Amino acid sequence: MSVLIQPLITEKLTRLQEENQQYAFEVHRNATKPQIRQAIEKRYPDVKVARVNTMVVPSKPKGRFTKSGFVSGRSRVWKKAIITLKEGEIDFFSEI
């Protein structure tokens, strides 16, 4: 099981990176805070994690109008981790 699924890059999270040394990742639903800390420090060897905050993002109703009528559904439930670093920096764009 891979703990880290993908980094999250939005305008708000970019501001958090610049101001507070905080980075966000989508993580596996069953991942614990120590597992997330260990995965971050293993994947990015030059950083030290100060704190890990997690949240489960709930499912939301979604729908769209199509030619055959209204199609309804729900978005998936996923887990987000906000990582605060003591030292170091993560550059997501050099990985791509």
N, C-alpha and C. Protein backbone atom coordinates (compact mmCIF):
# COMPACT_ATOMS: atom_id res chain seq x y z
N MET A 1 0.84 -1.18 0.00
CA MET A 1 0.00 0.00 0.00
C MET A 1 0.89 1.24 0.00
N SER A 2 0.66 2.10 -0.95
CA SER A 2 1.37 3.37 -1.01
C SER A 2 0.60 4.38 -0.18
N VAL A 3 1.25 5.00 0.80
CA VAL A 3 0.58 5.93 1.69
C VAL A 3 0.25 7.22 0.96
N LEU A 4 1.22 7.78 0.22
CA LEU A 4 1.01 9.03 -0.51
C LEU A 4 0.43 8.73 -1.87
N ILE A 5 -0.69 9.37 -2.21
CA ILE A 5 -1.29 9.17 -3.52
C ILE A 5 -0.82 10.25 -4.49
N GLN A 6 -1.01 11.53 -4.12
CA GLN A 6 -0.55 12.62 -4.97
C GLN A 6 -0.47 13.90 -4.16
N PRO A 7 0.40 14.83 -4.58
CA PRO A 7 0.42 16.14 -3.93
C PRO A 7 -0.77 16.97 -4.42
N LEU A 8 -1.24 17.87 -3.58
CA LEU A 8 -2.35 18.74 -3.95
C LEU A 8 -1.80 20.14 -4.21
N ILE A 9 -2.16 20.70 -5.36
CA ILE A 9 -1.66 22.02 -5.74
C ILE A 9 -2.86 22.89 -6.12
N THR A 10 -3.16 23.85 -5.25
CA THR A 10 -4.21 24.83 -5.53
C THR A 10 -3.64 26.21 -5.15
N GLU A 11 -4.41 27.25 -5.43
CA GLU A 11 -3.95 28.59 -5.07
C GLU A 11 -3.80 28.73 -3.56
N LYS A 12 -4.77 28.23 -2.83
CA LYS A 12 -4.73 28.35 -1.37
C LYS A 12 -3.56 27.56 -0.79
N LEU A 13 -3.34 26.35 -1.30
CA LEU A 13 -2.25 25.53 -0.79
C LEU A 13 -0.89 26.08 -1.20
N THR A 14 -0.80 26.75 -2.35
CA THR A 14 0.45 27.39 -2.76
C THR A 14 0.79 28.53 -1.80
N ARG A 15 -0.22 29.28 -1.36
CA ARG A 15 0.00 30.35 -0.39
C ARG A 15 0.47 29.77 0.94
N LEU A 16 -0.10 28.63 1.36
CA LEU A 16 0.35 27.97 2.59
C LEU A 16 1.82 27.52 2.48
N GLN A 17 2.21 27.04 1.30
CA GLN A 17 3.59 26.62 1.09
C GLN A 17 4.54 27.80 1.27
N GLU A 18 4.20 28.93 0.68
CA GLU A 18 5.08 30.10 0.72
C GLU A 18 5.15 30.72 2.11
N GLU A 19 4.02 30.81 2.81
CA GLU A 19 3.98 31.51 4.08
C GLU A 19 4.33 30.64 5.28
N ASN A 20 3.86 29.40 5.31
CA ASN A 20 3.94 28.58 6.52
C ASN A 20 4.72 27.29 6.39
N GLN A 21 5.35 27.05 5.24
CA GLN A 21 6.04 25.78 5.02
C GLN A 21 5.10 24.59 5.20
N GLN A 22 3.86 24.71 4.71
CA GLN A 22 2.88 23.61 4.80
C GLN A 22 2.59 23.10 3.41
N TYR A 23 2.52 21.78 3.28
CA TYR A 23 2.27 21.12 2.01
C TYR A 23 1.12 20.15 2.19
N ALA A 24 0.33 19.94 1.14
CA ALA A 24 -0.84 19.07 1.23
C ALA A 24 -0.69 17.88 0.28
N PHE A 25 -1.14 16.74 0.75
CA PHE A 25 -1.10 15.51 -0.03
C PHE A 25 -2.43 14.78 0.11
N GLU A 26 -2.83 14.10 -0.96
CA GLU A 26 -3.91 13.14 -0.85
C GLU A 26 -3.25 11.84 -0.39
N VAL A 27 -3.80 11.25 0.67
CA VAL A 27 -3.19 10.05 1.24
C VAL A 27 -4.22 8.92 1.28
N HIS A 28 -3.73 7.73 1.52
CA HIS A 28 -4.60 6.56 1.62
C HIS A 28 -5.54 6.71 2.81
N ARG A 29 -6.78 6.25 2.69
CA ARG A 29 -7.78 6.45 3.74
C ARG A 29 -7.38 5.84 5.08
N ASN A 30 -6.63 4.73 5.07
CA ASN A 30 -6.27 4.06 6.32
C ASN A 30 -4.91 4.48 6.85
N ALA A 31 -4.26 5.45 6.23
CA ALA A 31 -2.92 5.87 6.65
C ALA A 31 -3.00 6.64 7.96
N THR A 32 -2.06 6.35 8.85
CA THR A 32 -1.98 7.05 10.13
C THR A 32 -0.95 8.18 10.02
N LYS A 33 -0.96 9.08 11.01
CA LYS A 33 -0.03 10.21 11.00
C LYS A 33 1.44 9.77 11.02
N PRO A 34 1.82 8.77 11.85
CA PRO A 34 3.22 8.32 11.80
C PRO A 34 3.60 7.70 10.45
N GLN A 35 2.68 7.00 9.81
CA GLN A 35 2.96 6.43 8.50
C GLN A 35 3.15 7.53 7.46
N ILE A 36 2.33 8.58 7.54
CA ILE A 36 2.44 9.70 6.60
C ILE A 36 3.77 10.41 6.81
N ARG A 37 4.14 10.67 8.06
CA ARG A 37 5.43 11.32 8.37
C ARG A 37 6.59 10.52 7.80
N GLN A 38 6.56 9.20 8.01
CA GLN A 38 7.63 8.33 7.54
C GLN A 38 7.69 8.32 6.01
N ALA A 39 6.54 8.30 5.35
CA ALA A 39 6.51 8.29 3.88
C ALA A 39 7.05 9.58 3.29
N ILE A 40 6.72 10.72 3.92
CA ILE A 40 7.22 12.02 3.44
C ILE A 40 8.73 12.09 3.60
N GLU A 41 9.25 11.71 4.76
CA GLU A 41 10.68 11.79 5.00
C GLU A 41 11.47 10.78 4.16
N LYS A 42 10.83 9.69 3.77
CA LYS A 42 11.49 8.71 2.90
C LYS A 42 11.50 9.21 1.45
N ARG A 43 10.39 9.78 1.01
CA ARG A 43 10.30 10.25 -0.39
C ARG A 43 11.12 11.52 -0.63
N TYR A 44 11.16 12.40 0.37
CA TYR A 44 11.93 13.64 0.28
C TYR A 44 12.98 13.63 1.40
N PRO A 45 14.18 13.10 1.14
CA PRO A 45 15.16 12.88 2.21
C PRO A 45 15.70 14.16 2.85
N ASP A 46 15.61 15.30 2.19
CA ASP A 46 16.20 16.52 2.76
C ASP A 46 15.22 17.35 3.57
N VAL A 47 14.05 16.81 3.91
CA VAL A 47 13.07 17.55 4.72
C VAL A 47 12.84 16.85 6.06
N LYS A 48 12.47 17.63 7.06
CA LYS A 48 12.09 17.12 8.38
C LYS A 48 10.67 17.59 8.66
N VAL A 49 9.80 16.66 9.00
CA VAL A 49 8.39 16.98 9.24
C VAL A 49 8.21 17.40 10.69
N ALA A 50 7.57 18.55 10.90
CA ALA A 50 7.29 19.04 12.25
C ALA A 50 5.93 18.53 12.73
N ARG A 51 4.93 18.58 11.84
CA ARG A 51 3.57 18.23 12.26
C ARG A 51 2.79 17.68 11.08
N VAL A 52 1.86 16.76 11.36
CA VAL A 52 0.97 16.20 10.36
C VAL A 52 -0.46 16.39 10.84
N ASN A 53 -1.27 17.06 10.02
CA ASN A 53 -2.70 17.20 10.30
C ASN A 53 -3.45 16.47 9.19
N THR A 54 -4.48 15.71 9.56
CA THR A 54 -5.24 14.97 8.56
C THR A 54 -6.71 15.33 8.65
N MET A 55 -7.41 15.14 7.53
CA MET A 55 -8.86 15.33 7.51
C MET A 55 -9.44 14.41 6.44
N VAL A 56 -10.62 13.92 6.71
CA VAL A 56 -11.35 13.11 5.75
C VAL A 56 -12.34 14.02 5.05
N VAL A 57 -12.20 14.12 3.74
CA VAL A 57 -13.08 14.99 2.94
C VAL A 57 -14.32 14.17 2.60
N PRO A 58 -15.50 14.61 3.02
CA PRO A 58 -16.70 13.80 2.83
C PRO A 58 -17.19 13.80 1.40
N SER A 59 -18.08 12.86 1.12
CA SER A 59 -18.71 12.74 -0.19
C SER A 59 -19.74 13.84 -0.37
N LYS A 60 -19.88 14.33 -1.59
CA LYS A 60 -20.87 15.37 -1.89
C LYS A 60 -21.76 14.89 -3.03
N PRO A 61 -23.02 15.29 -3.02
CA PRO A 61 -23.88 14.93 -4.16
C PRO A 61 -23.48 15.71 -5.41
N LYS A 62 -23.43 15.03 -6.52
CA LYS A 62 -23.09 15.64 -7.81
C LYS A 62 -24.18 15.27 -8.81
N GLY A 63 -24.36 16.09 -9.81
CA GLY A 63 -25.33 15.78 -10.85
C GLY A 63 -25.07 16.60 -12.08
N ARG A 64 -25.60 16.12 -13.19
CA ARG A 64 -25.47 16.88 -14.44
C ARG A 64 -26.66 16.54 -15.34
N PHE A 65 -26.99 17.49 -16.17
CA PHE A 65 -28.07 17.29 -17.13
C PHE A 65 -27.49 16.74 -18.42
N THR A 66 -28.08 15.67 -18.90
CA THR A 66 -27.65 15.06 -20.16
C THR A 66 -28.84 14.99 -21.10
N LYS A 67 -28.61 14.47 -22.28
CA LYS A 67 -29.67 14.35 -23.28
C LYS A 67 -30.79 13.43 -22.79
N SER A 68 -30.42 12.42 -22.00
CA SER A 68 -31.42 11.46 -21.51
C SER A 68 -32.00 11.85 -20.15
N GLY A 69 -31.65 13.02 -19.63
CA GLY A 69 -32.20 13.46 -18.35
C GLY A 69 -31.11 13.75 -17.34
N PHE A 70 -31.52 13.91 -16.10
CA PHE A 70 -30.59 14.25 -15.01
C PHE A 70 -29.91 13.00 -14.52
N VAL A 71 -28.58 13.02 -14.44
CA VAL A 71 -27.79 11.90 -13.93
C VAL A 71 -27.22 12.34 -12.59
N SER A 72 -27.54 11.60 -11.53
CA SER A 72 -27.06 11.96 -10.20
C SER A 72 -26.05 10.95 -9.71
N GLY A 73 -25.22 11.39 -8.80
CA GLY A 73 -24.21 10.52 -8.22
C GLY A 73 -23.57 11.22 -7.05
N ARG A 74 -22.47 10.68 -6.58
CA ARG A 74 -21.76 11.28 -5.45
C ARG A 74 -20.27 11.25 -5.75
N SER A 75 -19.55 12.23 -5.18
CA SER A 75 -18.09 12.21 -5.27
C SER A 75 -17.56 11.22 -4.24
N ARG A 76 -16.32 10.86 -4.38
CA ARG A 76 -15.76 9.86 -3.48
C ARG A 76 -15.27 10.50 -2.17
N VAL A 77 -15.14 9.69 -1.14
CA VAL A 77 -14.58 10.12 0.14
C VAL A 77 -13.07 9.92 0.06
N TRP A 78 -12.29 10.94 0.49
CA TRP A 78 -10.84 10.82 0.44
C TRP A 78 -10.22 11.52 1.63
N LYS A 79 -8.94 11.26 1.85
CA LYS A 79 -8.25 11.79 3.02
C LYS A 79 -7.14 12.74 2.56
N LYS A 80 -7.05 13.88 3.27
CA LYS A 80 -6.06 14.91 2.97
C LYS A 80 -5.14 15.05 4.17
N ALA A 81 -3.85 15.23 3.90
CA ALA A 81 -2.86 15.46 4.95
C ALA A 81 -2.16 16.78 4.70
N ILE A 82 -2.12 17.64 5.73
CA ILE A 82 -1.37 18.89 5.68
C ILE A 82 -0.08 18.68 6.47
N ILE A 83 1.05 18.82 5.80
CA ILE A 83 2.36 18.55 6.40
C ILE A 83 3.04 19.88 6.68
N THR A 84 3.47 20.10 7.92
CA THR A 84 4.26 21.28 8.28
C THR A 84 5.70 20.85 8.44
N LEU A 85 6.61 21.56 7.76
CA LEU A 85 8.02 21.18 7.77
C LEU A 85 8.81 22.01 8.78
N LYS A 86 9.80 21.35 9.44
CA LYS A 86 10.76 22.06 10.30
C LYS A 86 11.80 22.74 9.43
N GLU A 87 12.36 21.94 8.52
CA GLU A 87 13.42 22.44 7.65
C GLU A 87 13.30 21.76 6.30
N GLY A 88 13.86 22.39 5.29
CA GLY A 88 13.81 21.84 3.94
C GLY A 88 12.65 22.41 3.15
N GLU A 89 12.59 22.01 1.90
CA GLU A 89 11.55 22.49 1.01
C GLU A 89 11.25 21.40 -0.01
N ILE A 90 9.99 21.28 -0.41
CA ILE A 90 9.57 20.31 -1.40
C ILE A 90 9.24 21.06 -2.68
N ASP A 91 9.83 20.63 -3.80
CA ASP A 91 9.54 21.24 -5.09
C ASP A 91 8.78 20.21 -5.93
N PHE A 92 7.45 20.39 -6.03
CA PHE A 92 6.62 19.45 -6.76
C PHE A 92 6.88 19.51 -8.26
N PHE A 93 7.23 20.68 -8.79
CA PHE A 93 7.33 20.86 -10.22
C PHE A 93 8.59 20.25 -10.81
N SER A 94 9.60 19.99 -10.00
CA SER A 94 10.80 19.34 -10.51
C SER A 94 10.59 17.84 -10.68
N GLU A 95 9.56 17.28 -10.04
CA GLU A 95 9.27 15.85 -10.14
C GLU A 95 8.55 15.49 -11.42
N ILE A 96 7.84 16.44 -12.00
CA ILE A 96 6.98 16.15 -13.16
C ILE A 96 7.78 15.85 -14.38
